[in-house]
Amino acid sequence: MPLFFTRHPALAGLDRASRRDVRRIAWYFAQRHWSVHAPAFVWIVFVLLHTRYQIVPERRDYLLITLVIFVLAVINIRFHIARYLKPARAIFDTLGSAAARTITGR
């Protein structure tokens, strides 16, 4: 399951700090993919349509749709991070933790 990285093979054999560094490198790569930002774009369009045309008249429905978009965004981000864990681990193994922190700016 990509929502939990505890059993991901790319993180096997690493201590807690190293796993964090590998996940940060993967997130660094995932941010560059346009589809990570798609849920934010969908939400902005939804808010604009709601503001202009009142497509969702009830406040409860508006909040529910916003919550669903947020959950989909989190799942989308987790899938992208899982996709980049293997290359992130290769970079971590090659360069080490000091270089990983330099790459991610931490």
Protein backbone atom coordinates (compact mmCIF):
# COMPACT_ATOMS: atom_id res chain seq x y z
CA MET A 1 0.00 0.00 0.00
CA PRO A 2 1.60 3.26 -1.06
CA LEU A 3 -0.01 5.22 1.77
CA PHE A 4 2.25 3.53 4.30
CA PHE A 5 5.95 3.38 3.52
CA THR A 6 6.98 1.15 6.42
CA ARG A 7 7.22 -1.97 4.26
CA HIS A 8 8.43 -0.38 1.07
CA PRO A 9 11.45 -2.29 -0.27
CA ALA A 10 13.34 0.92 -1.08
CA LEU A 11 13.41 1.80 2.62
CA ALA A 12 14.51 -1.61 3.87
CA GLY A 13 17.59 -1.63 6.07
CA LEU A 14 17.64 2.10 6.81
CA ASP A 15 17.45 3.79 10.16
CA ARG A 16 14.78 6.40 10.90
CA ALA A 17 16.82 9.45 9.84
CA SER A 18 17.92 7.78 6.61
CA ARG A 19 14.33 6.78 5.75
CA ARG A 20 13.31 10.40 6.30
CA ASP A 21 16.09 11.59 3.98
CA VAL A 22 15.08 9.13 1.25
CA ARG A 23 11.43 10.19 1.54
CA ARG A 24 12.48 13.85 1.29
CA ILE A 25 14.48 13.17 -1.87
CA ALA A 26 11.48 11.33 -3.33
CA TRP A 27 9.20 14.25 -2.42
CA TYR A 28 11.72 16.62 -4.01
CA PHE A 29 11.41 14.66 -7.28
CA ALA A 30 7.63 14.24 -6.99
CA GLN A 31 7.08 17.99 -6.70
CA ARG A 32 8.39 18.45 -10.22
CA HIS A 33 5.58 16.33 -11.72
CA TRP A 34 2.61 18.38 -12.93
CA SER A 35 -0.05 15.91 -11.75
CA VAL A 36 0.89 16.52 -8.09
CA HIS A 37 -0.52 20.02 -8.53
CA ALA A 38 -3.70 18.91 -10.35
CA PRO A 39 -5.90 18.66 -7.20
CA ALA A 40 -4.99 22.22 -6.24
CA PHE A 41 -5.94 23.41 -9.71
CA VAL A 42 -9.24 21.49 -9.51
CA TRP A 43 -9.98 23.05 -6.13
CA ILE A 44 -9.25 26.58 -7.39
CA VAL A 45 -11.56 26.05 -10.37
CA PHE A 46 -14.23 24.65 -8.04
CA VAL A 47 -13.96 27.66 -5.72
CA LEU A 48 -14.14 30.08 -8.65
CA LEU A 49 -17.19 28.33 -10.08
CA HIS A 50 -18.84 28.28 -6.69
CA THR A 51 -18.10 31.95 -6.10
CA ARG A 52 -19.28 33.04 -9.52
CA TYR A 53 -22.19 30.67 -10.25
CA GLN A 54 -23.09 29.16 -6.84
CA ILE A 55 -22.80 25.61 -8.23
CA VAL A 56 -23.03 24.22 -4.69
CA PRO A 57 -25.58 26.25 -2.75
CA GLU A 58 -25.25 24.44 0.58
CA ARG A 59 -22.27 25.20 2.81
CA ARG A 60 -22.13 21.60 4.02
CA ASP A 61 -21.83 20.28 0.44
CA TYR A 62 -19.13 22.83 -0.34
CA LEU A 63 -17.09 21.72 2.67
CA LEU A 64 -17.64 18.06 1.81
CA ILE A 65 -16.38 18.55 -1.75
CA THR A 66 -13.40 20.51 -0.44
CA LEU A 67 -12.61 17.67 1.98
CA VAL A 68 -12.84 15.08 -0.80
CA ILE A 69 -10.48 17.11 -3.00
CA PHE A 70 -8.05 17.39 -0.06
CA VAL A 71 -8.12 13.63 0.57
CA LEU A 72 -7.55 12.94 -3.14
CA ALA A 73 -4.62 15.38 -3.09
CA VAL A 74 -3.01 13.59 -0.16
CA ILE A 75 -3.44 10.19 -1.83
CA ASN A 76 -2.03 11.60 -5.07
CA ILE A 77 1.03 12.96 -3.27
CA ARG A 78 1.63 9.64 -1.51
CA PHE A 79 1.45 7.76 -4.84
CA HIS A 80 3.99 10.13 -6.35
CA ILE A 81 6.36 9.78 -3.42
CA ALA A 82 6.07 5.99 -3.62
CA ARG A 83 6.90 6.16 -7.32
CA TYR A 84 10.15 8.04 -6.67
CA LEU A 85 11.35 6.09 -3.61
CA LYS A 86 13.49 3.65 -5.61
CA PRO A 87 15.47 6.35 -7.48
CA ALA A 88 15.71 8.37 -4.26
CA ARG A 89 17.22 5.37 -2.48
CA ALA A 90 19.75 4.94 -5.28
CA ILE A 91 20.79 8.58 -4.95
CA PHE A 92 20.94 8.27 -1.17
CA ASP A 93 23.12 5.16 -1.39
CA THR A 94 25.44 6.83 -3.90
CA LEU A 95 25.79 10.26 -2.30
CA GLY A 96 25.04 9.72 1.38
CA SER A 97 22.98 11.60 3.93
CA ALA A 98 24.95 14.88 3.81
CA ALA A 99 24.35 15.20 0.07
CA ALA A 100 20.69 14.23 0.52
CA ARG A 101 20.24 17.10 2.96
CA THR A 102 21.97 19.44 0.51
CA ILE A 103 19.67 18.33 -2.31
CA THR A 104 16.51 18.85 -0.30
CA GLY A 105 17.75 22.00 1.37
CA ARG A 106 17.42 20.68 4.92
